[in-house]
N, C-alpha and C. Protein backbone atom coordinates (compact mmCIF):
# COMPACT_ATOMS: atom_id res chain seq x y z
N MET A 1 -8.56 -12.02 10.98
CA MET A 1 -7.73 -11.72 12.12
C MET A 1 -7.73 -10.23 12.38
N ILE A 2 -7.52 -9.86 13.60
CA ILE A 2 -7.48 -8.46 13.98
C ILE A 2 -6.03 -8.10 14.32
N TYR A 3 -5.53 -7.07 13.63
CA TYR A 3 -4.13 -6.68 13.80
C TYR A 3 -3.99 -5.31 14.45
N SER A 4 -5.05 -4.77 15.02
CA SER A 4 -5.00 -3.40 15.54
C SER A 4 -3.91 -3.21 16.59
N ARG A 5 -3.73 -4.17 17.48
CA ARG A 5 -2.67 -4.05 18.50
C ARG A 5 -1.29 -4.20 17.89
N ALA A 6 -1.16 -5.07 16.88
CA ALA A 6 0.13 -5.29 16.24
C ALA A 6 0.57 -4.08 15.42
N ALA A 7 -0.36 -3.23 15.02
CA ALA A 7 -0.04 -2.07 14.20
C ALA A 7 0.48 -0.89 15.01
N ILE A 8 0.50 -1.03 16.34
CA ILE A 8 0.93 0.07 17.21
C ILE A 8 2.32 -0.23 17.78
N LEU A 9 3.24 0.69 17.55
CA LEU A 9 4.60 0.56 18.07
C LEU A 9 4.58 0.76 19.58
N SER A 10 5.22 -0.15 20.30
CA SER A 10 5.30 -0.02 21.76
C SER A 10 6.60 -0.66 22.23
N THR A 11 6.87 -0.58 23.53
CA THR A 11 8.10 -1.17 24.06
C THR A 11 8.09 -2.69 23.87
N GLY A 12 6.94 -3.31 23.91
CA GLY A 12 6.85 -4.76 23.72
C GLY A 12 6.66 -5.17 22.27
N ASN A 13 6.47 -4.19 21.36
CA ASN A 13 6.22 -4.48 19.96
C ASN A 13 7.02 -3.52 19.09
N SER A 14 8.17 -3.97 18.60
CA SER A 14 9.02 -3.09 17.80
C SER A 14 8.72 -3.19 16.30
N SER A 15 7.77 -4.05 15.93
CA SER A 15 7.42 -4.22 14.53
C SER A 15 5.93 -3.98 14.32
N THR A 16 5.60 -3.12 13.37
CA THR A 16 4.20 -2.87 13.04
C THR A 16 3.88 -3.44 11.66
N ASN A 17 4.53 -4.52 11.30
CA ASN A 17 4.33 -5.16 10.00
C ASN A 17 3.00 -5.92 10.02
N VAL A 18 1.98 -5.33 9.42
CA VAL A 18 0.63 -5.91 9.39
C VAL A 18 0.14 -5.93 7.95
N PRO A 19 -0.88 -6.75 7.64
CA PRO A 19 -1.44 -6.75 6.29
C PRO A 19 -2.09 -5.41 5.94
N VAL A 20 -1.88 -4.98 4.70
CA VAL A 20 -2.45 -3.74 4.20
C VAL A 20 -3.23 -4.07 2.93
N LEU A 21 -4.44 -3.54 2.81
CA LEU A 21 -5.26 -3.75 1.63
C LEU A 21 -4.83 -2.77 0.55
N CYS A 22 -4.55 -3.27 -0.64
CA CYS A 22 -4.11 -2.41 -1.74
C CYS A 22 -5.32 -1.81 -2.45
N PRO A 23 -5.47 -0.48 -2.42
CA PRO A 23 -6.60 0.15 -3.09
C PRO A 23 -6.43 0.21 -4.61
N LEU A 24 -5.25 -0.12 -5.12
CA LEU A 24 -5.00 -0.06 -6.55
C LEU A 24 -5.25 -1.39 -7.26
N CYS A 25 -5.25 -2.48 -6.52
CA CYS A 25 -5.47 -3.79 -7.12
C CYS A 25 -6.97 -4.03 -7.34
N PRO A 26 -7.31 -4.79 -8.39
CA PRO A 26 -8.72 -5.10 -8.62
C PRO A 26 -9.27 -6.03 -7.54
N ILE A 27 -10.56 -5.94 -7.32
CA ILE A 27 -11.24 -6.81 -6.36
C ILE A 27 -11.40 -8.19 -6.99
N GLY A 28 -11.12 -9.25 -6.24
CA GLY A 28 -11.22 -10.61 -6.75
C GLY A 28 -12.64 -11.15 -6.72
N LEU A 29 -12.80 -12.38 -7.18
CA LEU A 29 -14.12 -13.03 -7.21
C LEU A 29 -14.72 -13.17 -5.82
N ASN A 30 -13.88 -13.29 -4.81
CA ASN A 30 -14.37 -13.44 -3.45
C ASN A 30 -14.72 -12.09 -2.82
N LYS A 31 -14.75 -11.04 -3.65
CA LYS A 31 -15.11 -9.67 -3.22
C LYS A 31 -14.09 -9.08 -2.24
N GLU A 32 -12.89 -9.63 -2.22
CA GLU A 32 -11.84 -9.11 -1.37
C GLU A 32 -10.68 -8.63 -2.23
N GLY A 33 -10.03 -7.60 -1.77
CA GLY A 33 -8.89 -7.07 -2.50
C GLY A 33 -7.60 -7.78 -2.13
N THR A 34 -6.54 -7.38 -2.79
CA THR A 34 -5.23 -7.95 -2.53
C THR A 34 -4.60 -7.28 -1.32
N THR A 35 -4.02 -8.07 -0.45
CA THR A 35 -3.30 -7.53 0.70
C THR A 35 -1.83 -7.87 0.57
N PHE A 36 -1.01 -7.09 1.23
CA PHE A 36 0.43 -7.35 1.30
C PHE A 36 0.89 -6.91 2.67
N TRP A 37 2.04 -7.39 3.09
CA TRP A 37 2.59 -6.97 4.38
C TRP A 37 3.12 -5.55 4.26
N LYS A 38 2.88 -4.76 5.28
CA LYS A 38 3.26 -3.35 5.32
C LYS A 38 4.71 -3.13 4.90
N TYR A 39 5.62 -3.96 5.40
CA TYR A 39 7.04 -3.79 5.07
C TYR A 39 7.32 -4.07 3.60
N ASN A 40 6.36 -4.64 2.87
CA ASN A 40 6.53 -4.95 1.46
C ASN A 40 5.83 -3.95 0.54
N LEU A 41 5.50 -2.77 1.04
CA LEU A 41 4.79 -1.77 0.24
C LEU A 41 5.53 -1.46 -1.07
N ILE A 42 6.78 -1.11 -0.98
CA ILE A 42 7.54 -0.73 -2.18
C ILE A 42 7.66 -1.92 -3.13
N TYR A 43 7.91 -3.11 -2.59
CA TYR A 43 8.00 -4.30 -3.44
C TYR A 43 6.68 -4.53 -4.18
N HIS A 44 5.56 -4.43 -3.46
CA HIS A 44 4.25 -4.65 -4.08
C HIS A 44 4.00 -3.61 -5.18
N MET A 45 4.26 -2.35 -4.88
CA MET A 45 4.03 -1.30 -5.87
C MET A 45 4.93 -1.49 -7.10
N ALA A 46 6.19 -1.84 -6.87
CA ALA A 46 7.13 -2.02 -7.98
C ALA A 46 6.80 -3.27 -8.80
N THR A 47 6.26 -4.29 -8.17
CA THR A 47 5.95 -5.52 -8.87
C THR A 47 4.64 -5.44 -9.65
N PHE A 48 3.64 -4.77 -9.10
CA PHE A 48 2.30 -4.82 -9.70
C PHE A 48 1.77 -3.49 -10.23
N HIS A 49 2.40 -2.37 -9.90
CA HIS A 49 1.79 -1.10 -10.26
C HIS A 49 2.71 -0.09 -10.93
N LEU A 50 3.84 -0.53 -11.47
CA LEU A 50 4.71 0.42 -12.16
C LEU A 50 3.99 1.01 -13.37
N THR A 51 4.27 2.29 -13.66
CA THR A 51 3.70 2.91 -14.84
C THR A 51 4.43 2.38 -16.07
N LYS A 52 3.94 2.72 -17.24
CA LYS A 52 4.59 2.29 -18.48
C LYS A 52 6.02 2.85 -18.58
N ALA A 53 6.25 3.97 -17.91
CA ALA A 53 7.58 4.58 -17.90
C ALA A 53 8.49 3.94 -16.85
N GLY A 54 7.98 2.92 -16.13
CA GLY A 54 8.78 2.24 -15.13
C GLY A 54 8.87 2.98 -13.81
N GLU A 55 7.93 3.87 -13.54
CA GLU A 55 7.94 4.64 -12.30
C GLU A 55 6.84 4.14 -11.36
N LEU A 56 7.05 4.40 -10.08
CA LEU A 56 6.01 4.07 -9.12
C LEU A 56 4.83 5.02 -9.34
N PRO A 57 3.61 4.51 -9.22
CA PRO A 57 2.45 5.40 -9.39
C PRO A 57 2.28 6.31 -8.18
N ARG A 58 1.44 7.29 -8.34
CA ARG A 58 1.10 8.16 -7.21
C ARG A 58 0.24 7.35 -6.24
N CYS A 59 0.67 7.26 -5.01
CA CYS A 59 -0.06 6.48 -4.00
C CYS A 59 -1.14 7.33 -3.36
N PRO A 60 -2.29 6.73 -3.11
CA PRO A 60 -3.30 7.46 -2.33
C PRO A 60 -2.72 7.78 -0.95
N PRO A 61 -3.06 8.93 -0.38
CA PRO A 61 -2.52 9.29 0.94
C PRO A 61 -2.79 8.22 1.99
N SER A 62 -3.95 7.58 1.93
CA SER A 62 -4.27 6.56 2.94
C SER A 62 -3.29 5.38 2.86
N LEU A 63 -2.83 5.04 1.65
CA LEU A 63 -1.86 3.95 1.50
C LEU A 63 -0.50 4.36 2.05
N LEU A 64 -0.10 5.59 1.82
CA LEU A 64 1.17 6.08 2.37
C LEU A 64 1.13 6.06 3.90
N ILE A 65 -0.01 6.43 4.46
CA ILE A 65 -0.15 6.43 5.92
C ILE A 65 -0.09 5.01 6.46
N GLN A 66 -0.84 4.09 5.84
CA GLN A 66 -0.86 2.70 6.32
C GLN A 66 0.49 2.02 6.16
N GLY A 67 1.22 2.34 5.12
CA GLY A 67 2.49 1.67 4.84
C GLY A 67 3.71 2.35 5.43
N HIS A 68 3.50 3.46 6.14
CA HIS A 68 4.64 4.21 6.65
C HIS A 68 5.32 3.50 7.82
N ILE A 69 6.64 3.52 7.80
CA ILE A 69 7.45 3.00 8.90
C ILE A 69 8.10 4.22 9.55
N SER A 70 7.75 4.47 10.79
CA SER A 70 8.21 5.68 11.48
C SER A 70 9.70 5.61 11.80
N GLN A 71 10.26 6.79 12.07
CA GLN A 71 11.65 6.86 12.48
C GLN A 71 11.85 6.15 13.81
N GLN A 72 10.84 6.21 14.69
CA GLN A 72 10.92 5.52 15.98
C GLN A 72 10.99 4.01 15.77
N GLU A 73 10.25 3.50 14.78
CA GLU A 73 10.29 2.07 14.50
C GLU A 73 11.65 1.66 13.93
N ASP A 74 12.21 2.49 13.08
CA ASP A 74 13.57 2.23 12.57
C ASP A 74 14.55 2.09 13.72
N VAL A 75 14.50 3.02 14.67
CA VAL A 75 15.40 3.00 15.82
C VAL A 75 15.14 1.75 16.67
N ALA A 76 13.86 1.43 16.91
CA ALA A 76 13.51 0.25 17.72
C ALA A 76 14.03 -1.04 17.09
N ASN A 77 14.14 -1.05 15.76
CA ASN A 77 14.63 -2.24 15.05
C ASN A 77 16.10 -2.13 14.68
N ARG A 78 16.78 -1.17 15.29
CA ARG A 78 18.23 -0.97 15.14
C ARG A 78 18.66 -0.72 13.69
N LEU A 79 17.82 0.00 12.93
CA LEU A 79 18.18 0.36 11.57
C LEU A 79 18.91 1.70 11.60
N ASN A 80 19.86 1.87 10.71
CA ASN A 80 20.63 3.11 10.65
C ASN A 80 19.73 4.21 10.09
N PRO A 81 19.42 5.23 10.90
CA PRO A 81 18.51 6.29 10.44
C PRO A 81 19.05 7.07 9.25
N MET A 82 20.35 7.14 9.08
CA MET A 82 20.93 7.88 7.95
C MET A 82 20.69 7.15 6.64
N ILE A 83 20.70 5.82 6.68
CA ILE A 83 20.42 5.04 5.46
C ILE A 83 18.97 5.25 5.05
N THR A 84 18.06 5.17 6.04
CA THR A 84 16.64 5.38 5.75
C THR A 84 16.41 6.79 5.22
N LYS A 85 17.01 7.78 5.86
CA LYS A 85 16.84 9.18 5.44
C LYS A 85 17.35 9.36 4.01
N GLY A 86 18.51 8.79 3.71
CA GLY A 86 19.07 8.89 2.36
C GLY A 86 18.17 8.24 1.32
N TRP A 87 17.63 7.07 1.66
CA TRP A 87 16.73 6.38 0.72
C TRP A 87 15.48 7.20 0.48
N ARG A 88 14.90 7.75 1.56
CA ARG A 88 13.68 8.55 1.42
C ARG A 88 13.93 9.78 0.55
N GLU A 89 15.06 10.45 0.75
CA GLU A 89 15.38 11.63 -0.06
C GLU A 89 15.60 11.25 -1.52
N LYS A 90 16.37 10.19 -1.75
CA LYS A 90 16.66 9.75 -3.12
C LYS A 90 15.40 9.38 -3.87
N ASN A 91 14.46 8.72 -3.20
CA ASN A 91 13.24 8.23 -3.84
C ASN A 91 12.03 9.13 -3.62
N GLU A 92 12.27 10.31 -3.04
CA GLU A 92 11.21 11.29 -2.79
C GLU A 92 10.04 10.66 -2.05
N PHE A 93 10.37 9.91 -1.01
CA PHE A 93 9.36 9.23 -0.20
C PHE A 93 9.18 10.01 1.09
N PRO A 94 7.94 10.23 1.53
CA PRO A 94 7.71 11.09 2.69
C PRO A 94 8.31 10.55 3.98
N ASP A 95 8.79 11.48 4.81
CA ASP A 95 9.30 11.09 6.12
C ASP A 95 8.18 11.17 7.15
N SER A 96 8.52 10.94 8.41
CA SER A 96 7.50 10.92 9.47
C SER A 96 6.76 12.25 9.60
N ASN A 97 7.45 13.37 9.42
CA ASN A 97 6.78 14.67 9.52
C ASN A 97 5.74 14.84 8.42
N ALA A 98 6.07 14.43 7.20
CA ALA A 98 5.12 14.55 6.09
C ALA A 98 3.92 13.63 6.31
N ILE A 99 4.16 12.44 6.86
CA ILE A 99 3.06 11.51 7.12
C ILE A 99 2.14 12.09 8.20
N THR A 100 2.71 12.70 9.22
CA THR A 100 1.91 13.34 10.26
C THR A 100 1.01 14.41 9.64
N ASP A 101 1.57 15.19 8.71
CA ASP A 101 0.78 16.22 8.03
C ASP A 101 -0.34 15.59 7.20
N LEU A 102 -0.06 14.47 6.52
CA LEU A 102 -1.08 13.76 5.76
C LEU A 102 -2.22 13.27 6.65
N VAL A 103 -1.86 12.73 7.81
CA VAL A 103 -2.87 12.24 8.76
C VAL A 103 -3.76 13.40 9.19
N LYS A 104 -3.16 14.53 9.53
CA LYS A 104 -3.94 15.70 9.95
C LYS A 104 -4.86 16.17 8.82
N LEU A 105 -4.35 16.17 7.59
CA LEU A 105 -5.15 16.59 6.45
C LEU A 105 -6.33 15.65 6.24
N GLU A 106 -6.08 14.35 6.29
CA GLU A 106 -7.17 13.37 6.12
C GLU A 106 -8.20 13.50 7.22
N GLU A 107 -7.75 13.70 8.46
CA GLU A 107 -8.69 13.86 9.57
C GLU A 107 -9.54 15.11 9.37
N ALA A 108 -8.93 16.20 8.90
CA ALA A 108 -9.68 17.43 8.65
C ALA A 108 -10.70 17.23 7.55
N GLN A 109 -10.32 16.51 6.49
CA GLN A 109 -11.25 16.24 5.40
C GLN A 109 -12.42 15.38 5.87
N LEU A 110 -12.14 14.40 6.70
CA LEU A 110 -13.22 13.55 7.23
C LEU A 110 -14.17 14.37 8.09
N LEU A 111 -13.62 15.28 8.89
CA LEU A 111 -14.47 16.13 9.72
C LEU A 111 -15.34 17.05 8.88
N GLU A 112 -14.82 17.48 7.74
CA GLU A 112 -15.58 18.35 6.84
C GLU A 112 -16.56 17.56 5.98
N GLY A 113 -16.50 16.23 6.06
CA GLY A 113 -17.39 15.41 5.25
C GLY A 113 -16.85 15.11 3.87
N ALA A 114 -15.62 15.51 3.59
CA ALA A 114 -15.02 15.22 2.29
C ALA A 114 -14.53 13.78 2.28
N HIS A 115 -14.62 13.16 1.15
CA HIS A 115 -14.14 11.79 1.00
C HIS A 115 -13.08 11.75 -0.08
N CYS A 116 -12.08 10.90 0.14
CA CYS A 116 -11.03 10.71 -0.87
C CYS A 116 -11.67 10.04 -2.09
N GLU A 117 -11.24 10.47 -3.27
CA GLU A 117 -11.76 9.83 -4.47
C GLU A 117 -11.19 8.43 -4.57
N SER A 118 -12.07 7.49 -4.85
CA SER A 118 -11.59 6.14 -5.07
C SER A 118 -11.46 5.94 -6.57
N ARG A 119 -10.62 5.02 -6.94
CA ARG A 119 -10.38 4.74 -8.34
C ARG A 119 -11.63 4.13 -8.94
N LYS A 120 -12.05 4.63 -10.09
CA LYS A 120 -13.20 4.08 -10.80
C LYS A 120 -12.77 2.75 -11.40
N ARG A 121 -13.60 1.75 -11.28
CA ARG A 121 -13.29 0.43 -11.82
C ARG A 121 -13.99 0.25 -13.15
N ALA A 122 -13.24 -0.10 -14.16
CA ALA A 122 -13.80 -0.32 -15.48
C ALA A 122 -14.38 -1.73 -15.55
N PRO A 123 -15.42 -1.92 -16.36
CA PRO A 123 -15.92 -3.28 -16.53
C PRO A 123 -14.83 -4.16 -17.12
N SER A 124 -14.76 -5.38 -16.69
CA SER A 124 -13.69 -6.27 -17.13
C SER A 124 -14.26 -7.44 -17.93
N GLU A 125 -13.53 -7.83 -18.95
CA GLU A 125 -13.90 -9.01 -19.72
C GLU A 125 -13.14 -10.24 -19.23
N VAL A 126 -12.22 -10.03 -18.31
CA VAL A 126 -11.38 -11.11 -17.81
C VAL A 126 -11.69 -11.31 -16.34
N SER A 127 -11.92 -12.54 -15.93
CA SER A 127 -12.13 -12.79 -14.51
C SER A 127 -10.78 -12.92 -13.84
N HIS A 128 -10.74 -12.55 -12.59
CA HIS A 128 -9.50 -12.60 -11.83
C HIS A 128 -9.65 -13.59 -10.70
N LEU A 129 -8.65 -14.43 -10.53
CA LEU A 129 -8.62 -15.31 -9.38
C LEU A 129 -8.14 -14.52 -8.19
N SER A 130 -8.56 -14.89 -7.02
CA SER A 130 -8.10 -14.21 -5.82
C SER A 130 -6.73 -14.77 -5.46
N THR A 131 -5.69 -14.08 -5.88
CA THR A 131 -4.32 -14.50 -5.60
C THR A 131 -3.55 -13.31 -5.10
N ALA A 132 -2.29 -13.53 -4.81
CA ALA A 132 -1.43 -12.43 -4.37
C ALA A 132 -1.12 -11.51 -5.53
N SER A 133 -1.38 -11.95 -6.75
CA SER A 133 -1.06 -11.16 -7.92
C SER A 133 -2.23 -10.28 -8.33
N CYS A 134 -1.92 -9.13 -8.88
CA CYS A 134 -2.95 -8.24 -9.40
C CYS A 134 -3.23 -8.53 -10.86
N ARG A 135 -2.42 -9.37 -11.45
CA ARG A 135 -2.58 -9.69 -12.87
C ARG A 135 -3.45 -10.93 -13.02
N PRO A 136 -4.26 -11.01 -14.11
CA PRO A 136 -5.05 -12.22 -14.30
C PRO A 136 -4.13 -13.40 -14.59
N SER A 137 -4.57 -14.57 -14.22
CA SER A 137 -3.75 -15.75 -14.49
C SER A 137 -3.68 -15.97 -15.99
N PRO A 138 -2.56 -16.52 -16.50
CA PRO A 138 -2.41 -16.73 -17.94
C PRO A 138 -3.52 -17.61 -18.51
N THR A 139 -3.99 -18.59 -17.76
CA THR A 139 -5.03 -19.48 -18.29
C THR A 139 -6.32 -18.70 -18.54
N LYS A 140 -6.65 -17.75 -17.68
CA LYS A 140 -7.85 -16.96 -17.88
C LYS A 140 -7.71 -16.07 -19.12
N VAL A 141 -6.54 -15.48 -19.31
CA VAL A 141 -6.33 -14.64 -20.48
C VAL A 141 -6.40 -15.49 -21.74
N GLN A 142 -5.78 -16.67 -21.73
CA GLN A 142 -5.80 -17.53 -22.89
C GLN A 142 -7.20 -17.95 -23.25
N ARG A 143 -8.04 -18.27 -22.29
CA ARG A 143 -9.41 -18.67 -22.57
C ARG A 143 -10.15 -17.55 -23.28
N ARG A 144 -9.97 -16.34 -22.84
CA ARG A 144 -10.66 -15.21 -23.44
C ARG A 144 -10.20 -15.01 -24.87
N GLU A 145 -8.91 -15.16 -25.11
CA GLU A 145 -8.36 -14.93 -26.44
C GLU A 145 -8.80 -16.00 -27.44
N HIS A 146 -9.09 -17.21 -26.97
CA HIS A 146 -9.46 -18.31 -27.86
C HIS A 146 -10.96 -18.41 -28.09
N GLN A 147 -11.74 -17.62 -27.42
CA GLN A 147 -13.20 -17.71 -27.59
C GLN A 147 -13.67 -16.98 -28.81
C-alpha cells in the first residue's frame, strides 16, 4: 500500500499515523523488516529495544523524523500542547524545531553524498519468523537449544 498522501497533514487529514519500518529490528525470512504505526513509536521502542539499563536506545535521526508528530498535528487533533511539551521535556524527546533541524542536516548530508551508517547485522544462529515481534519465537529458540 502507498501511504504518501496519508503521511501529510492537511485540512482534510488531521492524522499522519502511517506504518514505519524499524531500522533496529532484524530482517525476517521474507526479507522485510518489522513495521509499526507511527503513533506507536515509543511503545515499539520500549517493548522491543530497551537497553539492559531499561533506557530507550539512541534512535537513528531518520526514525525520529519518520515518527515525529508535529505541534500542528497535536493542535489539529485537539491535544493539549502543554501536556505534549511537558512530556517531550521530561523524556528529552525532540520538538518540531529540533526535527526541522534534523531534516535539514540529513538533506545536507545527502547532497554531500554522505550516508547514514546502518547497523551492522551479525550472523544469526536463530531463524526469525516474520511477526510483529523483534524477538525470535520461543519454539525456534527451543529447537536450537535442543540440537
